[in-house]
């Protein structure tokens, strides 16, 4: 399902860009048949939409770069939190296996 959703989001972004329609989270969510919150919450989906939005602009502006860096930072923080949680789960499993 995850790969299917990713493919639908990519196709929605491409269709919007090809039609000359602004690529927004709302428009992508409607075309992909998913909730807008899902696009925001899942870093890989958010990255696809953001890349299409920034990639469609010809020149990168300073404010655009700031926004892009902020989105990348948020994605990195999400991944780091998952890694920390997984490491803690592994430690707990190792402790329970010993005792």
N, C-alpha and C. Protein backbone atom coordinates (compact mmCIF):
# COMPACT_ATOMS: atom_id res chain seq x y z
N UNK A 1 0.82 -1.19 0.00
CA UNK A 1 0.00 0.00 0.00
C UNK A 1 0.86 1.26 0.00
N UNK A 2 1.94 1.24 0.71
CA UNK A 2 2.81 2.41 0.80
C UNK A 2 3.36 2.80 -0.57
N UNK A 3 3.82 1.80 -1.34
CA UNK A 3 4.35 2.08 -2.67
C UNK A 3 3.25 2.58 -3.59
N UNK A 4 2.03 2.03 -3.44
CA UNK A 4 0.90 2.45 -4.25
C UNK A 4 0.56 3.92 -3.97
N UNK A 5 0.54 4.29 -2.70
CA UNK A 5 0.24 5.67 -2.32
C UNK A 5 1.32 6.62 -2.84
N UNK A 6 2.55 6.22 -2.72
CA UNK A 6 3.66 7.04 -3.23
C UNK A 6 3.50 7.25 -4.73
N UNK A 7 3.17 6.18 -5.45
CA UNK A 7 2.99 6.28 -6.91
C UNK A 7 1.81 7.19 -7.25
N UNK A 8 0.73 7.11 -6.47
CA UNK A 8 -0.43 7.96 -6.72
C UNK A 8 -0.09 9.44 -6.48
N UNK A 9 0.68 9.70 -5.42
CA UNK A 9 1.08 11.08 -5.12
C UNK A 9 1.98 11.62 -6.23
N UNK A 10 2.94 10.82 -6.67
CA UNK A 10 3.82 11.25 -7.75
C UNK A 10 3.03 11.52 -9.03
N UNK A 11 2.08 10.63 -9.34
CA UNK A 11 1.25 10.80 -10.54
C UNK A 11 0.38 12.05 -10.43
N UNK A 12 -0.17 12.30 -9.24
CA UNK A 12 -0.99 13.49 -9.03
C UNK A 12 -0.16 14.76 -9.23
N UNK A 13 1.03 14.79 -8.68
CA UNK A 13 1.91 15.95 -8.84
C UNK A 13 2.24 16.18 -10.32
N UNK A 14 2.55 15.10 -11.01
CA UNK A 14 2.90 15.21 -12.43
C UNK A 14 1.71 15.71 -13.25
N UNK A 15 0.53 15.20 -12.95
CA UNK A 15 -0.67 15.60 -13.69
C UNK A 15 -0.99 17.08 -13.45
N UNK A 16 -0.87 17.51 -12.21
CA UNK A 16 -1.12 18.92 -11.89
C UNK A 16 -0.13 19.83 -12.60
N UNK A 17 1.14 19.46 -12.56
CA UNK A 17 2.18 20.27 -13.20
C UNK A 17 1.97 20.31 -14.71
N UNK A 18 1.62 19.18 -15.29
CA UNK A 18 1.41 19.11 -16.73
C UNK A 18 0.21 19.97 -17.16
N UNK A 19 -0.80 20.01 -16.31
CA UNK A 19 -1.99 20.81 -16.62
C UNK A 19 -1.79 22.30 -16.35
N UNK A 20 -0.65 22.63 -15.74
CA UNK A 20 -0.38 24.02 -15.42
C UNK A 20 -1.13 24.49 -14.18
N UNK A 21 -1.64 23.53 -13.42
CA UNK A 21 -2.37 23.83 -12.18
C UNK A 21 -1.37 23.91 -11.04
N UNK A 22 -1.52 24.85 -10.12
CA UNK A 22 -0.60 24.92 -8.99
C UNK A 22 -0.61 23.61 -8.19
N UNK A 23 0.57 23.16 -7.84
CA UNK A 23 0.71 21.94 -7.04
C UNK A 23 0.59 22.34 -5.57
N UNK A 24 -0.56 22.02 -4.99
CA UNK A 24 -0.80 22.30 -3.58
C UNK A 24 -1.08 20.99 -2.87
N UNK A 25 -0.94 20.99 -1.55
CA UNK A 25 -1.22 19.78 -0.79
C UNK A 25 -2.68 19.36 -0.95
N UNK A 26 -3.57 20.34 -1.00
CA UNK A 26 -5.00 20.05 -1.16
C UNK A 26 -5.27 19.40 -2.51
N UNK A 27 -4.73 19.99 -3.57
CA UNK A 27 -4.96 19.45 -4.91
C UNK A 27 -4.36 18.05 -5.07
N UNK A 28 -3.17 17.84 -4.53
CA UNK A 28 -2.53 16.53 -4.62
C UNK A 28 -3.34 15.50 -3.82
N UNK A 29 -3.80 15.88 -2.64
CA UNK A 29 -4.58 14.95 -1.81
C UNK A 29 -5.86 14.52 -2.54
N UNK A 30 -6.54 15.47 -3.16
CA UNK A 30 -7.78 15.14 -3.89
C UNK A 30 -7.48 14.20 -5.05
N UNK A 31 -6.46 14.53 -5.84
CA UNK A 31 -6.12 13.70 -7.00
C UNK A 31 -5.61 12.32 -6.60
N UNK A 32 -4.85 12.25 -5.52
CA UNK A 32 -4.28 10.97 -5.09
C UNK A 32 -5.25 10.13 -4.26
N UNK A 33 -6.35 10.74 -3.84
CA UNK A 33 -7.34 10.01 -3.06
C UNK A 33 -6.88 9.70 -1.65
N UNK A 34 -6.24 10.67 -1.03
CA UNK A 34 -5.76 10.49 0.33
C UNK A 34 -6.04 11.77 1.13
N UNK A 35 -5.82 11.69 2.41
CA UNK A 35 -6.03 12.86 3.27
C UNK A 35 -4.83 13.80 3.16
N UNK A 36 -5.11 15.08 3.24
CA UNK A 36 -4.05 16.08 3.22
C UNK A 36 -3.10 15.87 4.40
N UNK A 37 -3.64 15.48 5.54
CA UNK A 37 -2.81 15.23 6.72
C UNK A 37 -1.80 14.12 6.47
N UNK A 38 -2.17 13.13 5.69
CA UNK A 38 -1.24 12.04 5.35
C UNK A 38 -0.05 12.58 4.59
N UNK A 39 -0.30 13.51 3.69
CA UNK A 39 0.80 14.10 2.92
C UNK A 39 1.74 14.88 3.82
N UNK A 40 1.19 15.55 4.80
CA UNK A 40 2.02 16.33 5.72
C UNK A 40 2.78 15.43 6.69
N UNK A 41 2.13 14.38 7.17
CA UNK A 41 2.73 13.53 8.21
C UNK A 41 3.81 12.59 7.69
N UNK A 42 3.66 12.11 6.48
CA UNK A 42 4.63 11.14 5.96
C UNK A 42 5.73 11.86 5.20
N UNK A 43 6.95 11.83 5.75
CA UNK A 43 8.05 12.62 5.17
C UNK A 43 8.31 12.34 3.70
N UNK A 44 8.19 11.10 3.27
CA UNK A 44 8.48 10.78 1.87
C UNK A 44 7.43 11.37 0.93
N UNK A 45 6.17 11.40 1.39
CA UNK A 45 5.11 12.00 0.57
C UNK A 45 5.23 13.52 0.55
N UNK A 46 5.51 14.06 1.72
CA UNK A 46 5.67 15.51 1.81
C UNK A 46 6.82 15.98 0.92
N UNK A 47 7.90 15.19 0.91
CA UNK A 47 9.06 15.54 0.08
C UNK A 47 8.71 15.55 -1.40
N UNK A 48 7.89 14.60 -1.84
CA UNK A 48 7.49 14.56 -3.25
C UNK A 48 6.71 15.82 -3.61
N UNK A 49 5.75 16.18 -2.77
CA UNK A 49 4.94 17.37 -3.05
C UNK A 49 5.80 18.63 -3.00
N UNK A 50 6.63 18.75 -1.98
CA UNK A 50 7.48 19.94 -1.85
C UNK A 50 8.45 20.06 -3.01
N UNK A 51 9.01 18.94 -3.43
CA UNK A 51 9.96 18.97 -4.54
C UNK A 51 9.26 19.44 -5.82
N UNK A 52 8.05 18.94 -6.03
CA UNK A 52 7.30 19.37 -7.21
C UNK A 52 6.97 20.86 -7.14
N UNK A 53 6.64 21.31 -5.94
CA UNK A 53 6.30 22.73 -5.77
C UNK A 53 7.52 23.61 -6.01
N UNK A 54 8.66 23.25 -5.43
CA UNK A 54 9.86 24.07 -5.59
C UNK A 54 10.50 23.84 -6.94
N UNK A 55 10.40 22.62 -7.46
CA UNK A 55 10.99 22.31 -8.76
C UNK A 55 10.30 23.02 -9.89
N UNK A 56 9.05 23.37 -9.69
CA UNK A 56 8.32 24.04 -10.76
C UNK A 56 8.70 25.51 -10.89
N UNK A 57 9.32 26.04 -9.86
CA UNK A 57 9.80 27.43 -9.94
C UNK A 57 11.13 27.43 -10.68
N UNK A 58 11.33 28.42 -11.52
CA UNK A 58 12.56 28.45 -12.31
C UNK A 58 13.77 28.81 -11.47
N UNK A 59 13.67 29.87 -10.73
CA UNK A 59 14.81 30.33 -9.94
C UNK A 59 14.51 30.12 -8.46
N UNK A 60 15.50 29.69 -7.75
CA UNK A 60 15.35 29.51 -6.30
C UNK A 60 15.55 30.86 -5.62
N UNK A 61 14.62 31.19 -4.75
CA UNK A 61 14.75 32.43 -4.00
C UNK A 61 15.28 32.10 -2.62
N UNK A 62 15.76 33.11 -1.94
CA UNK A 62 16.28 32.90 -0.59
C UNK A 62 15.18 32.40 0.33
N UNK A 63 14.00 32.98 0.23
CA UNK A 63 12.91 32.53 1.09
C UNK A 63 12.49 31.11 0.74
N UNK A 64 12.54 30.75 -0.54
CA UNK A 64 12.23 29.38 -0.95
C UNK A 64 13.23 28.39 -0.39
N UNK A 65 14.49 28.78 -0.38
CA UNK A 65 15.52 27.91 0.19
C UNK A 65 15.35 27.75 1.70
N UNK A 66 14.96 28.82 2.37
CA UNK A 66 14.72 28.75 3.81
C UNK A 66 13.60 27.77 4.11
N UNK A 67 12.53 27.85 3.33
CA UNK A 67 11.40 26.94 3.52
C UNK A 67 11.84 25.50 3.24
N UNK A 68 12.58 25.30 2.18
CA UNK A 68 13.04 23.96 1.83
C UNK A 68 13.95 23.39 2.92
N UNK A 69 14.84 24.18 3.44
CA UNK A 69 15.72 23.73 4.52
C UNK A 69 14.91 23.38 5.76
N UNK A 70 13.89 24.17 6.06
CA UNK A 70 13.03 23.89 7.20
C UNK A 70 12.31 22.56 7.02
N UNK A 71 11.82 22.29 5.82
CA UNK A 71 11.14 21.02 5.56
C UNK A 71 12.11 19.85 5.68
N UNK A 72 13.30 20.04 5.17
CA UNK A 72 14.32 18.98 5.28
C UNK A 72 14.68 18.73 6.75
N UNK A 73 14.79 19.81 7.52
CA UNK A 73 15.09 19.67 8.95
C UNK A 73 13.98 18.91 9.66
N UNK A 74 12.74 19.23 9.35
CA UNK A 74 11.61 18.54 9.96
C UNK A 74 11.61 17.05 9.61
N UNK A 75 11.91 16.75 8.36
CA UNK A 75 11.98 15.35 7.94
C UNK A 75 13.10 14.61 8.65
N UNK A 76 14.24 15.26 8.78
CA UNK A 76 15.37 14.66 9.47
C UNK A 76 15.05 14.42 10.95
N UNK A 77 14.39 15.38 11.57
CA UNK A 77 14.00 15.22 12.98
C UNK A 77 13.03 14.06 13.14
N UNK A 78 12.13 13.87 12.19
CA UNK A 78 11.19 12.76 12.24
C UNK A 78 11.93 11.43 12.15
N UNK A 79 12.86 11.34 11.24
CA UNK A 79 13.65 10.11 11.09
C UNK A 79 14.48 9.86 12.35
N UNK A 80 15.09 10.90 12.89
CA UNK A 80 15.91 10.75 14.10
C UNK A 80 15.07 10.26 15.27
N UNK A 81 13.86 10.76 15.40
CA UNK A 81 12.97 10.31 16.48
C UNK A 81 12.64 8.84 16.33
N UNK A 82 12.40 8.40 15.10
CA UNK A 82 12.11 6.98 14.87
C UNK A 82 13.32 6.12 15.22
N UNK A 83 14.49 6.58 14.84
CA UNK A 83 15.71 5.83 15.14
C UNK A 83 15.90 5.71 16.65
N UNK A 84 15.70 6.82 17.37
CA UNK A 84 15.83 6.78 18.83
C UNK A 84 14.84 5.80 19.44
N UNK A 85 13.60 5.83 18.96
CA UNK A 85 12.58 4.92 19.47
C UNK A 85 12.95 3.46 19.18
N UNK A 86 13.45 3.19 17.99
CA UNK A 86 13.85 1.83 17.64
C UNK A 86 15.03 1.37 18.48
N UNK A 87 15.98 2.26 18.71
CA UNK A 87 17.13 1.90 19.55
C UNK A 87 16.68 1.56 20.96
N UNK A 88 15.74 2.31 21.50
CA UNK A 88 15.23 2.04 22.84
C UNK A 88 14.49 0.70 22.87
N UNK A 89 13.73 0.40 21.83
CA UNK A 89 13.04 -0.88 21.75
C UNK A 89 14.04 -2.03 21.70
N UNK A 90 15.11 -1.86 20.94
CA UNK A 90 16.15 -2.90 20.85
C UNK A 90 16.80 -3.11 22.21
N UNK A 91 17.11 -2.01 22.92
CA UNK A 91 17.70 -2.14 24.25
C UNK A 91 16.76 -2.88 25.20
N UNK A 92 15.48 -2.56 25.14
CA UNK A 92 14.50 -3.22 26.00
C UNK A 92 14.39 -4.70 25.67
N UNK A 93 14.42 -5.03 24.41
CA UNK A 93 14.36 -6.43 24.01
C UNK A 93 15.60 -7.20 24.47
N UNK A 94 16.75 -6.56 24.36
CA UNK A 94 17.98 -7.22 24.83
C UNK A 94 17.96 -7.43 26.34
N UNK A 95 17.45 -6.43 27.09
CA UNK A 95 17.35 -6.58 28.55
C UNK A 95 16.40 -7.72 28.90
N UNK A 96 15.28 -7.80 28.21
CA UNK A 96 14.30 -8.85 28.53
C UNK A 96 14.82 -10.22 28.12
N UNK A 97 15.66 -10.29 27.10
CA UNK A 97 16.22 -11.57 26.66
C UNK A 97 17.26 -12.08 27.66
N UNK A 98 17.95 -11.17 28.33
CA UNK A 98 18.96 -11.57 29.32
C UNK A 98 18.32 -12.08 30.60
N UNK A 99 17.20 -11.48 30.96
CA UNK A 99 16.63 -11.78 32.28
C UNK A 99 15.41 -12.56 32.21
